[in-house]
Structures are given as structure tokens and as C-alpha cells.
Amino acid sequence: MENKDNSNDDQLQKMNRTVAVILKTLMAFIGIAILSLGTTFLREGRVGLDPFTAMNTGLAS
């Protein structure tokens, strides 16, 4: 009986880790999208960009 409980606990822990990784990945993509949207607004508004973003957009072009 103890082995069955341990097996269920192990499966639950693996599932929790998988869900945590998926949530972290999703939050990272949302954060990148927000930063990209801000950069787009700044470029289109001709306000200017911070030096690092300006370098990255220049290299990408």
C-alpha cells in the first residue's frame, strides 16, 4: 500500500513540475510580447528607443 501512495505522490510531483514549467514559459512569452509592444509604440511614435533595444532592432534590420 505504501508503494502505491509513493507512486501517486511521485506522479503528482512530476505533474506539478510540468505545470510550473508551462506556466513559467507562458509568462515569459507574455512578458516578451509586452516589451515588444512597447518597443513598437516607441518606434512608431518616433519617440526613440533605449540604446540596447536600438542596437537589437538595428542588427535585425
PDB file of N, CA and C in Angstrom:
ATOM      1  N   MET A   1       0.819  -1.187   0.000  1.00  0.00           N
ATOM      2  CA  MET A   1       0.000   0.000   0.000  1.00  0.00           C
ATOM      3  C   MET A   1       0.865   1.254   0.000  1.00  0.00           C
ATOM      4  N   GLU A   2       1.980   1.199   0.718  1.00  0.00           N
ATOM      5  CA  GLU A   2       2.861   2.352   0.783  1.00  0.00           C
ATOM      6  C   GLU A   2       3.476   2.667  -0.575  1.00  0.00           C
ATOM      7  N   ASN A   3       3.840   1.645  -1.335  1.00  0.00           N
ATOM      8  CA  ASN A   3       4.424   1.852  -2.658  1.00  0.00           C
ATOM      9  C   ASN A   3       3.434   2.550  -3.587  1.00  0.00           C
ATOM     10  N   LYS A   4       2.172   2.193  -3.479  1.00  0.00           N
ATOM     11  CA  LYS A   4       1.151   2.816  -4.314  1.00  0.00           C
ATOM     12  C   LYS A   4       1.007   4.296  -3.964  1.00  0.00           C
ATOM     13  N   ASP A   5       1.046   4.620  -2.682  1.00  0.00           N
ATOM     14  CA  ASP A   5       0.963   6.021  -2.248  1.00  0.00           C
ATOM     15  C   ASP A   5       2.178   6.808  -2.727  1.00  0.00           C
ATOM     16  N   ASN A   6       3.356   6.206  -2.623  1.00  0.00           N
ATOM     17  CA  ASN A   6       4.577   6.863  -3.084  1.00  0.00           C
ATOM     18  C   ASN A   6       4.542   7.084  -4.584  1.00  0.00           C
ATOM     19  N   SER A   7       4.015   6.114  -5.312  1.00  0.00           N
ATOM     20  CA  SER A   7       3.913   6.225  -6.760  1.00  0.00           C
ATOM     21  C   SER A   7       2.974   7.373  -7.145  1.00  0.00           C
ATOM     22  N   ASN A   8       1.854   7.482  -6.438  1.00  0.00           N
ATOM     23  CA  ASN A   8       0.920   8.577  -6.705  1.00  0.00           C
ATOM     24  C   ASN A   8       1.541   9.924  -6.372  1.00  0.00           C
ATOM     25  N   ASP A   9       2.297   9.986  -5.278  1.00  0.00           N
ATOM     26  CA  ASP A   9       2.976  11.229  -4.901  1.00  0.00           C
ATOM     27  C   ASP A   9       4.012  11.625  -5.950  1.00  0.00           C
ATOM     28  N   ASP A  10       4.757  10.641  -6.461  1.00  0.00           N
ATOM     29  CA  ASP A  10       5.759  10.919  -7.489  1.00  0.00           C
ATOM     30  C   ASP A  10       5.099  11.446  -8.761  1.00  0.00           C
ATOM     31  N   GLN A  11       3.993  10.833  -9.149  1.00  0.00           N
ATOM     32  CA  GLN A  11       3.280  11.283 -10.346  1.00  0.00           C
ATOM     33  C   GLN A  11       2.748  12.694 -10.155  1.00  0.00           C
ATOM     34  N   LEU A  12       2.236  12.980  -8.966  1.00  0.00           N
ATOM     35  CA  LEU A  12       1.710  14.308  -8.674  1.00  0.00           C
ATOM     36  C   LEU A  12       2.817  15.356  -8.706  1.00  0.00           C
ATOM     37  N   GLN A  13       3.983  15.018  -8.169  1.00  0.00           N
ATOM     38  CA  GLN A  13       5.113  15.945  -8.178  1.00  0.00           C
ATOM     39  C   GLN A  13       5.592  16.211  -9.599  1.00  0.00           C
ATOM     40  N   LYS A  14       5.638  15.170 -10.436  1.00  0.00           N
ATOM     41  CA  LYS A  14       6.046  15.352 -11.829  1.00  0.00           C
ATOM     42  C   LYS A  14       5.054  16.234 -12.567  1.00  0.00           C
ATOM     43  N   MET A  15       3.766  16.031 -12.305  1.00  0.00           N
ATOM     44  CA  MET A  15       2.744  16.832 -12.950  1.00  0.00           C
ATOM     45  C   MET A  15       2.846  18.289 -12.493  1.00  0.00           C
ATOM     46  N   ASN A  16       3.089  18.506 -11.206  1.00  0.00           N
ATOM     47  CA  ASN A  16       3.233  19.865 -10.679  1.00  0.00           C
ATOM     48  C   ASN A  16       4.434  20.570 -11.308  1.00  0.00           C
ATOM     49  N   ARG A  17       5.542  19.830 -11.482  1.00  0.00           N
ATOM     50  CA  ARG A  17       6.724  20.419 -12.115  1.00  0.00           C
ATOM     51  C   ARG A  17       6.445  20.776 -13.567  1.00  0.00           C
ATOM     52  N   THR A  18       5.720  19.899 -14.258  1.00  0.00           N
ATOM     53  CA  THR A  18       5.385  20.164 -15.655  1.00  0.00           C
ATOM     54  C   THR A  18       4.496  21.392 -15.771  1.00  0.00           C
ATOM     55  N   VAL A  19       3.501  21.493 -14.906  1.00  0.00           N
ATOM     56  CA  VAL A  19       2.609  22.653 -14.914  1.00  0.00           C
ATOM     57  C   VAL A  19       3.394  23.918 -14.592  1.00  0.00           C
ATOM     58  N   ALA A  20       4.327  23.848 -13.665  1.00  0.00           N
ATOM     59  CA  ALA A  20       5.138  25.006 -13.296  1.00  0.00           C
ATOM     60  C   ALA A  20       5.989  25.470 -14.475  1.00  0.00           C
ATOM     61  N   VAL A  21       6.586  24.537 -15.196  1.00  0.00           N
ATOM     62  CA  VAL A  21       7.406  24.897 -16.354  1.00  0.00           C
ATOM     63  C   VAL A  21       6.543  25.524 -17.442  1.00  0.00           C
ATOM     64  N   ILE A  22       5.358  24.958 -17.670  1.00  0.00           N
ATOM     65  CA  ILE A  22       4.457  25.512 -18.684  1.00  0.00           C
ATOM     66  C   ILE A  22       4.033  26.927 -18.302  1.00  0.00           C
ATOM     67  N   LEU A  23       3.695  27.145 -17.035  1.00  0.00           N
ATOM     68  CA  LEU A  23       3.287  28.480 -16.593  1.00  0.00           C
ATOM     69  C   LEU A  23       4.430  29.487 -16.701  1.00  0.00           C
ATOM     70  N   LYS A  24       5.629  29.081 -16.326  1.00  0.00           N
ATOM     71  CA  LYS A  24       6.784  29.972 -16.432  1.00  0.00           C
ATOM     72  C   LYS A  24       7.070  30.330 -17.882  1.00  0.00           C
ATOM     73  N   THR A  25       6.956  29.359 -18.774  1.00  0.00           N
ATOM     74  CA  THR A  25       7.171  29.610 -20.192  1.00  0.00           C
ATOM     75  C   THR A  25       6.114  30.558 -20.741  1.00  0.00           C
ATOM     76  N   LEU A  26       4.868  30.326 -20.367  1.00  0.00           N
ATOM     77  CA  LEU A  26       3.779  31.191 -20.806  1.00  0.00           C
ATOM     78  C   LEU A  26       3.969  32.622 -20.312  1.00  0.00           C
ATOM     79  N   MET A  27       4.358  32.780 -19.065  1.00  0.00           N
ATOM     80  CA  MET A  27       4.586  34.110 -18.513  1.00  0.00           C
ATOM     81  C   MET A  27       5.772  34.805 -19.198  1.00  0.00           C
ATOM     82  N   ALA A  28       6.796  34.042 -19.558  1.00  0.00           N
ATOM     83  CA  ALA A  28       7.935  34.623 -20.271  1.00  0.00           C
ATOM     84  C   ALA A  28       7.509  35.142 -21.638  1.00  0.00           C
ATOM     85  N   PHE A  29       6.695  34.356 -22.358  1.00  0.00           N
ATOM     86  CA  PHE A  29       6.212  34.800 -23.664  1.00  0.00           C
ATOM     87  C   PHE A  29       5.311  36.029 -23.542  1.00  0.00           C
ATOM     88  N   ILE A  30       4.484  36.070 -22.520  1.00  0.00           N
ATOM     89  CA  ILE A  30       3.624  37.241 -22.308  1.00  0.00           C
ATOM     90  C   ILE A  30       4.484  38.473 -22.018  1.00  0.00           C
ATOM     91  N   GLY A  31       5.511  38.316 -21.205  1.00  0.00           N
ATOM     92  CA  GLY A  31       6.414  39.424 -20.897  1.00  0.00           C
ATOM     93  C   GLY A  31       7.141  39.925 -22.130  1.00  0.00           C
ATOM     94  N   ILE A  32       7.598  39.016 -22.970  1.00  0.00           N
ATOM     95  CA  ILE A  32       8.279  39.408 -24.208  1.00  0.00           C
ATOM     96  C   ILE A  32       7.317  40.143 -25.129  1.00  0.00           C
ATOM     97  N   ALA A  33       6.072  39.674 -25.190  1.00  0.00           N
ATOM     98  CA  ALA A  33       5.068  40.340 -26.031  1.00  0.00           C
ATOM     99  C   ALA A  33       4.800  41.760 -25.544  1.00  0.00           C
ATOM    100  N   ILE A  34       4.729  41.943 -24.242  1.00  0.00           N
ATOM    101  CA  ILE A  34       4.501  43.286 -23.690  1.00  0.00           C
ATOM    102  C   ILE A  34       5.676  44.210 -24.006  1.00  0.00           C
ATOM    103  N   LEU A  35       6.897  43.710 -23.845  1.00  0.00           N
ATOM    104  CA  LEU A  35       8.075  44.519 -24.164  1.00  0.00           C
ATOM    105  C   LEU A  35       8.123  44.858 -25.654  1.00  0.00           C
ATOM    106  N   SER A  36       7.775  43.908 -26.496  1.00  0.00           N
ATOM    107  CA  SER A  36       7.770  44.145 -27.940  1.00  0.00           C
ATOM    108  C   SER A  36       6.718  45.170 -28.329  1.00  0.00           C
ATOM    109  N   LEU A  37       5.570  45.096 -27.690  1.00  0.00           N
ATOM    110  CA  LEU A  37       4.509  46.059 -27.963  1.00  0.00           C
ATOM    111  C   LEU A  37       4.952  47.472 -27.570  1.00  0.00           C
ATOM    112  N   GLY A  38       5.607  47.598 -26.432  1.00  0.00           N
ATOM    113  CA  GLY A  38       6.121  48.902 -26.008  1.00  0.00           C
ATOM    114  C   GLY A  38       7.159  49.435 -26.966  1.00  0.00           C
ATOM    115  N   THR A  39       8.044  48.573 -27.433  1.00  0.00           N
ATOM    116  CA  THR A  39       9.061  48.985 -28.398  1.00  0.00           C
ATOM    117  C   THR A  39       8.417  49.440 -29.696  1.00  0.00           C
ATOM    118  N   THR A  40       7.393  48.726 -30.125  1.00  0.00           N
ATOM    119  CA  THR A  40       6.686  49.100 -31.352  1.00  0.00           C
ATOM    120  C   THR A  40       6.044  50.466 -31.211  1.00  0.00           C
ATOM    121  N   PHE A  41       5.400  50.719 -30.085  1.00  0.00           N
ATOM    122  CA  PHE A  41       4.784  52.030 -29.860  1.00  0.00           C
ATOM    123  C   PHE A  41       5.830  53.142 -29.865  1.00  0.00           C
ATOM    124  N   LEU A  42       6.962  52.902 -29.247  1.00  0.00           N
ATOM    125  CA  LEU A  42       8.016  53.914 -29.206  1.00  0.00           C
ATOM    126  C   LEU A  42       8.603  54.178 -30.587  1.00  0.00           C
ATOM    127  N   ARG A  43       8.783  53.119 -31.375  1.00  0.00           N
ATOM    128  CA  ARG A  43       9.327  53.298 -32.735  1.00  0.00           C
ATOM    129  C   ARG A  43       8.346  54.023 -33.631  1.00  0.00           C
ATOM    130  N   GLU A  44       7.093  53.608 -33.595  1.00  0.00           N
ATOM    131  CA  GLU A  44       6.085  54.213 -34.464  1.00  0.00           C
ATOM    132  C   GLU A  44       5.777  55.649 -34.040  1.00  0.00           C
ATOM    133  N   GLY A  45       5.887  55.921 -32.765  1.00  0.00           N
ATOM    134  CA  GLY A  45       5.656  57.280 -32.285  1.00  0.00           C
ATOM    135  C   GLY A  45       6.852  58.193 -32.462  1.00  0.00           C
ATOM    136  N   ARG A  46       7.948  57.620 -32.975  1.00  0.00           N
ATOM    137  CA  ARG A  46       9.192  58.364 -33.204  1.00  0.00           C
ATOM    138  C   ARG A  46       9.681  59.075 -31.939  1.00  0.00           C
ATOM    139  N   VAL A  47       9.523  58.375 -30.811  1.00  0.00           N
ATOM    140  CA  VAL A  47       9.965  58.915 -29.526  1.00  0.00           C
ATOM    141  C   VAL A  47      11.419  58.553 -29.270  1.00  0.00           C
ATOM    142  N   GLY A  48      11.814  57.394 -29.724  1.00  0.00           N
ATOM    143  CA  GLY A  48      13.172  56.924 -29.510  1.00  0.00           C
ATOM    144  C   GLY A  48      13.169  55.663 -28.672  1.00  0.00           C
ATOM    145  N   LEU A  49      14.260  54.952 -28.720  1.00  0.00           N
ATOM    146  CA  LEU A  49      14.395  53.687 -28.002  1.00  0.00           C
ATOM    147  C   LEU A  49      15.584  53.762 -27.056  1.00  0.00           C
ATOM    148  N   ASP A  50      15.584  52.846 -26.093  1.00  0.00           N
ATOM    149  CA  ASP A  50      16.765  52.752 -25.241  1.00  0.00           C
ATOM    150  C   ASP A  50      17.916  52.177 -26.081  1.00  0.00           C
ATOM    151  N   PRO A  51      19.147  52.412 -25.693  1.00  0.00           N
ATOM    152  CA  PRO A  51      20.289  52.009 -26.528  1.00  0.00           C
ATOM    153  C   PRO A  51      20.329  50.510 -26.853  1.00  0.00           C
ATOM    154  N   PHE A  52      20.005  49.659 -25.900  1.00  0.00           N
ATOM    155  CA  PHE A  52      20.091  48.226 -26.150  1.00  0.00           C
ATOM    156  C   PHE A  52      19.054  47.795 -27.182  1.00  0.00           C
ATOM    157  N   THR A  53      17.818  48.282 -27.053  1.00  0.00           N
ATOM    158  CA  THR A  53      16.771  47.928 -27.997  1.00  0.00           C
ATOM    159  C   THR A  53      17.085  48.520 -29.367  1.00  0.00           C
ATOM    160  N   ALA A  54      17.631  49.722 -29.412  1.00  0.00           N
ATOM    161  CA  ALA A  54      18.012  50.329 -30.682  1.00  0.00           C
ATOM    162  C   ALA A  54      19.070  49.494 -31.385  1.00  0.00           C
ATOM    163  N   MET A  55      20.039  48.991 -30.635  1.00  0.00           N
ATOM    164  CA  MET A  55      21.070  48.153 -31.228  1.00  0.00           C
ATOM    165  C   MET A  55      20.455  46.857 -31.772  1.00  0.00           C
ATOM    166  N   ASN A  56      19.564  46.243 -31.000  1.00  0.00           N
ATOM    167  CA  ASN A  56      18.949  44.987 -31.440  1.00  0.00           C
ATOM    168  C   ASN A  56      18.079  45.192 -32.673  1.00  0.00           C
ATOM    169  N   THR A  57      17.312  46.254 -32.717  1.00  0.00           N
ATOM    170  CA  THR A  57      16.471  46.493 -33.900  1.00  0.00           C
ATOM    171  C   THR A  57      17.334  46.860 -35.104  1.00  0.00           C
ATOM    172  N   GLY A  58      18.444  47.553 -34.873  1.00  0.00           N
ATOM    173  CA  GLY A  58      19.363  47.869 -35.976  1.00  0.00           C
ATOM    174  C   GLY A  58      20.017  46.624 -36.542  1.00  0.00           C
ATOM    175  N   LEU A  59      20.417  45.718 -35.680  1.00  0.00           N
ATOM    176  CA  LEU A  59      21.019  44.469 -36.146  1.00  0.00           C
ATOM    177  C   LEU A  59      20.008  43.598 -36.854  1.00  0.00           C
ATOM    178  N   ALA A  60      18.772  43.636 -36.410  1.00  0.00           N
ATOM    179  CA  ALA A  60      17.724  42.811 -37.026  1.00  0.00           C
ATOM    180  C   ALA A  60      17.363  43.330 -38.418  1.00  0.00           C
ATOM    181  N   SER A  61      17.546  44.607 -38.642  1.00  0.00           N
ATOM    182  CA  SER A  61      17.202  45.187 -39.955  1.00  0.00           C
ATOM    183  C   SER A  61      18.297  44.883 -40.900  1.00  0.00           C
TER     184      SER A  61
END
